[in-house]
Amino acid sequence: MTESRASHDAFRAHVPDEVRQHLHAARAEMRKGVGTFLPEAFFDHRDRARREMLLAWRGVLDTAIQRMDEKNPRA
């Protein structure tokens, strides 16, 4: 188990469900609040940038897989 997973499980064990539900709701409301003072163009740009980063990572992963396949060709 990873350290972050262990801390997450510890958090769940010590914090009541009701508190976690309130934290979740507060986070959702905060995210809505951000949308009220940032222009729509910001969110469009953020989404395009996120897509480009994901495409870049896909390229990295595809190259890594290709190199692995070249090293160890499958039967």
N, C-alpha and C. Protein backbone atom coordinates (compact mmCIF):
# COMPACT_ATOMS: atom_id res chain seq x y z
N MET A 1 0.85 -1.18 0.00
CA MET A 1 0.00 0.00 0.00
C MET A 1 0.89 1.23 0.00
N THR A 2 0.54 2.21 -0.81
CA THR A 2 1.34 3.42 -0.87
C THR A 2 1.10 4.27 0.37
N GLU A 3 2.03 5.17 0.63
CA GLU A 3 1.92 6.02 1.81
C GLU A 3 0.69 6.92 1.72
N SER A 4 0.41 7.45 0.52
CA SER A 4 -0.75 8.34 0.39
C SER A 4 -2.05 7.56 0.60
N ARG A 5 -2.07 6.32 0.12
CA ARG A 5 -3.26 5.48 0.32
C ARG A 5 -3.45 5.17 1.80
N ALA A 6 -2.34 4.90 2.49
CA ALA A 6 -2.42 4.61 3.91
C ALA A 6 -2.92 5.82 4.68
N SER A 7 -2.44 7.02 4.32
CA SER A 7 -2.90 8.22 5.02
C SER A 7 -4.37 8.49 4.69
N HIS A 8 -4.77 8.18 3.47
CA HIS A 8 -6.18 8.35 3.08
C HIS A 8 -7.06 7.42 3.92
N ASP A 9 -6.63 6.17 4.05
CA ASP A 9 -7.40 5.22 4.85
C ASP A 9 -7.43 5.63 6.32
N ALA A 10 -6.32 6.17 6.82
CA ALA A 10 -6.28 6.64 8.21
C ALA A 10 -7.24 7.81 8.39
N PHE A 11 -7.28 8.70 7.40
CA PHE A 11 -8.21 9.82 7.43
C PHE A 11 -9.65 9.32 7.51
N ARG A 12 -9.97 8.35 6.68
CA ARG A 12 -11.33 7.80 6.67
C ARG A 12 -11.67 7.15 8.01
N ALA A 13 -10.68 6.52 8.65
CA ALA A 13 -10.93 5.82 9.90
C ALA A 13 -11.19 6.80 11.04
N HIS A 14 -10.64 8.00 10.98
CA HIS A 14 -10.74 8.94 12.10
C HIS A 14 -11.72 10.08 11.87
N VAL A 15 -12.18 10.25 10.65
CA VAL A 15 -13.09 11.35 10.35
C VAL A 15 -14.46 10.78 10.01
N PRO A 16 -15.48 11.23 10.72
CA PRO A 16 -16.83 10.71 10.46
C PRO A 16 -17.29 10.98 9.03
N ASP A 17 -18.16 10.12 8.54
CA ASP A 17 -18.70 10.26 7.18
C ASP A 17 -19.34 11.63 6.96
N GLU A 18 -20.05 12.11 7.98
CA GLU A 18 -20.73 13.40 7.84
C GLU A 18 -19.73 14.53 7.57
N VAL A 19 -18.59 14.50 8.25
CA VAL A 19 -17.56 15.53 8.05
C VAL A 19 -17.00 15.42 6.64
N ARG A 20 -16.71 14.20 6.18
CA ARG A 20 -16.19 14.02 4.83
C ARG A 20 -17.19 14.49 3.78
N GLN A 21 -18.47 14.27 4.02
CA GLN A 21 -19.50 14.74 3.09
C GLN A 21 -19.51 16.28 3.04
N HIS A 22 -19.36 16.91 4.20
CA HIS A 22 -19.31 18.37 4.23
C HIS A 22 -18.07 18.89 3.52
N LEU A 23 -16.94 18.23 3.71
CA LEU A 23 -15.71 18.63 3.02
C LEU A 23 -15.89 18.52 1.51
N HIS A 24 -16.50 17.43 1.07
CA HIS A 24 -16.75 17.22 -0.36
C HIS A 24 -17.66 18.33 -0.90
N ALA A 25 -18.73 18.64 -0.17
CA ALA A 25 -19.67 19.68 -0.60
C ALA A 25 -18.98 21.05 -0.63
N ALA A 26 -18.15 21.32 0.38
CA ALA A 26 -17.44 22.60 0.43
C ALA A 26 -16.50 22.74 -0.76
N ARG A 27 -15.80 21.66 -1.10
CA ARG A 27 -14.90 21.70 -2.25
C ARG A 27 -15.67 21.97 -3.54
N ALA A 28 -16.81 21.31 -3.69
CA ALA A 28 -17.62 21.52 -4.89
C ALA A 28 -18.09 22.97 -4.98
N GLU A 29 -18.52 23.54 -3.86
CA GLU A 29 -18.98 24.93 -3.85
C GLU A 29 -17.83 25.90 -4.13
N MET A 30 -16.64 25.60 -3.60
CA MET A 30 -15.48 26.46 -3.87
C MET A 30 -15.16 26.46 -5.36
N ARG A 31 -15.25 25.28 -5.98
CA ARG A 31 -14.97 25.19 -7.41
C ARG A 31 -15.99 26.00 -8.21
N LYS A 32 -17.24 25.98 -7.79
CA LYS A 32 -18.25 26.80 -8.46
C LYS A 32 -17.94 28.27 -8.29
N GLY A 33 -17.47 28.64 -7.10
CA GLY A 33 -17.15 30.03 -6.81
C GLY A 33 -16.05 30.57 -7.69
N VAL A 34 -15.07 29.75 -7.99
CA VAL A 34 -13.98 30.17 -8.86
C VAL A 34 -14.53 30.58 -10.22
N GLY A 35 -15.52 29.87 -10.68
CA GLY A 35 -16.12 30.16 -11.98
C GLY A 35 -16.81 31.51 -12.05
N THR A 36 -17.13 32.09 -10.92
CA THR A 36 -17.85 33.37 -10.94
C THR A 36 -16.93 34.56 -11.17
N PHE A 37 -15.63 34.42 -10.88
CA PHE A 37 -14.76 35.59 -11.07
C PHE A 37 -13.67 35.38 -12.11
N LEU A 38 -13.60 34.21 -12.69
CA LEU A 38 -12.67 33.99 -13.79
C LEU A 38 -13.44 33.98 -15.10
N PRO A 39 -12.88 34.57 -16.14
CA PRO A 39 -13.61 34.60 -17.42
C PRO A 39 -13.70 33.21 -18.04
N GLU A 40 -14.71 33.03 -18.85
CA GLU A 40 -14.94 31.73 -19.52
C GLU A 40 -13.73 31.33 -20.35
N ALA A 41 -13.03 32.30 -20.92
CA ALA A 41 -11.85 32.02 -21.73
C ALA A 41 -10.78 31.30 -20.91
N PHE A 42 -10.70 31.60 -19.61
CA PHE A 42 -9.74 30.92 -18.75
C PHE A 42 -9.99 29.42 -18.74
N PHE A 43 -11.25 29.03 -18.59
CA PHE A 43 -11.59 27.61 -18.52
C PHE A 43 -11.37 26.92 -19.86
N ASP A 44 -11.67 27.64 -20.95
CA ASP A 44 -11.40 27.08 -22.28
C ASP A 44 -9.90 26.85 -22.46
N HIS A 45 -9.10 27.83 -22.08
CA HIS A 45 -7.65 27.71 -22.20
C HIS A 45 -7.14 26.57 -21.31
N ARG A 46 -7.64 26.50 -20.08
CA ARG A 46 -7.24 25.43 -19.15
C ARG A 46 -7.53 24.06 -19.75
N ASP A 47 -8.71 23.91 -20.32
CA ASP A 47 -9.09 22.62 -20.90
C ASP A 47 -8.21 22.26 -22.10
N ARG A 48 -7.91 23.26 -22.95
CA ARG A 48 -7.03 22.99 -24.10
C ARG A 48 -5.62 22.64 -23.63
N ALA A 49 -5.14 23.34 -22.61
CA ALA A 49 -3.81 23.05 -22.08
C ALA A 49 -3.77 21.66 -21.47
N ARG A 50 -4.80 21.28 -20.74
CA ARG A 50 -4.87 19.95 -20.14
C ARG A 50 -4.86 18.87 -21.23
N ARG A 51 -5.61 19.13 -22.30
CA ARG A 51 -5.65 18.16 -23.41
C ARG A 51 -4.27 18.01 -24.04
N GLU A 52 -3.58 19.13 -24.24
CA GLU A 52 -2.24 19.07 -24.83
C GLU A 52 -1.27 18.32 -23.93
N MET A 53 -1.37 18.52 -22.63
CA MET A 53 -0.50 17.79 -21.70
C MET A 53 -0.79 16.29 -21.75
N LEU A 54 -2.05 15.94 -21.83
CA LEU A 54 -2.41 14.52 -21.92
C LEU A 54 -1.91 13.90 -23.22
N LEU A 55 -2.00 14.65 -24.31
CA LEU A 55 -1.47 14.16 -25.58
C LEU A 55 0.04 13.98 -25.51
N ALA A 56 0.71 14.92 -24.84
CA ALA A 56 2.17 14.80 -24.68
C ALA A 56 2.51 13.55 -23.88
N TRP A 57 1.80 13.31 -22.79
CA TRP A 57 2.06 12.10 -22.00
C TRP A 57 1.75 10.84 -22.78
N ARG A 58 0.71 10.89 -23.60
CA ARG A 58 0.40 9.73 -24.43
C ARG A 58 1.56 9.44 -25.37
N GLY A 59 2.15 10.49 -25.92
CA GLY A 59 3.31 10.32 -26.79
C GLY A 59 4.49 9.71 -26.05
N VAL A 60 4.72 10.17 -24.82
CA VAL A 60 5.80 9.61 -24.00
C VAL A 60 5.55 8.13 -23.75
N LEU A 61 4.33 7.80 -23.36
CA LEU A 61 4.00 6.40 -23.08
C LEU A 61 4.08 5.53 -24.33
N ASP A 62 3.58 6.05 -25.45
CA ASP A 62 3.65 5.29 -26.70
C ASP A 62 5.10 5.00 -27.09
N THR A 63 5.97 6.00 -26.92
CA THR A 63 7.38 5.81 -27.23
C THR A 63 8.01 4.79 -26.30
N ALA A 64 7.70 4.85 -25.02
CA ALA A 64 8.25 3.89 -24.06
C ALA A 64 7.80 2.47 -24.39
N ILE A 65 6.54 2.32 -24.75
CA ILE A 65 6.02 0.99 -25.11
C ILE A 65 6.69 0.50 -26.39
N GLN A 66 6.84 1.39 -27.36
CA GLN A 66 7.48 1.01 -28.61
C GLN A 66 8.92 0.55 -28.36
N ARG A 67 9.65 1.26 -27.52
CA ARG A 67 11.03 0.87 -27.21
C ARG A 67 11.08 -0.47 -26.50
N MET A 68 10.13 -0.70 -25.61
CA MET A 68 10.08 -2.01 -24.93
C MET A 68 9.83 -3.13 -25.93
N ASP A 69 8.90 -2.88 -26.84
CA ASP A 69 8.56 -3.89 -27.85
C ASP A 69 9.74 -4.17 -28.78
N GLU A 70 10.52 -3.12 -29.09
CA GLU A 70 11.69 -3.31 -29.95
C GLU A 70 12.77 -4.12 -29.24
N LYS A 71 12.92 -3.92 -27.94
CA LYS A 71 13.90 -4.66 -27.16
C LYS A 71 13.52 -6.13 -27.01
N ASN A 72 12.28 -6.36 -26.74
CA ASN A 72 11.77 -7.71 -26.48
C ASN A 72 10.59 -8.01 -27.40
N PRO A 73 10.85 -8.34 -28.65
CA PRO A 73 9.73 -8.63 -29.56
C PRO A 73 8.94 -9.84 -29.06
N ARG A 74 7.68 -9.75 -29.17
CA ARG A 74 6.80 -10.87 -28.74
C ARG A 74 6.77 -11.93 -29.80
N ALA A 75 6.53 -13.15 -29.38
CA ALA A 75 6.50 -14.28 -30.32
C ALA A 75 5.25 -14.26 -31.15
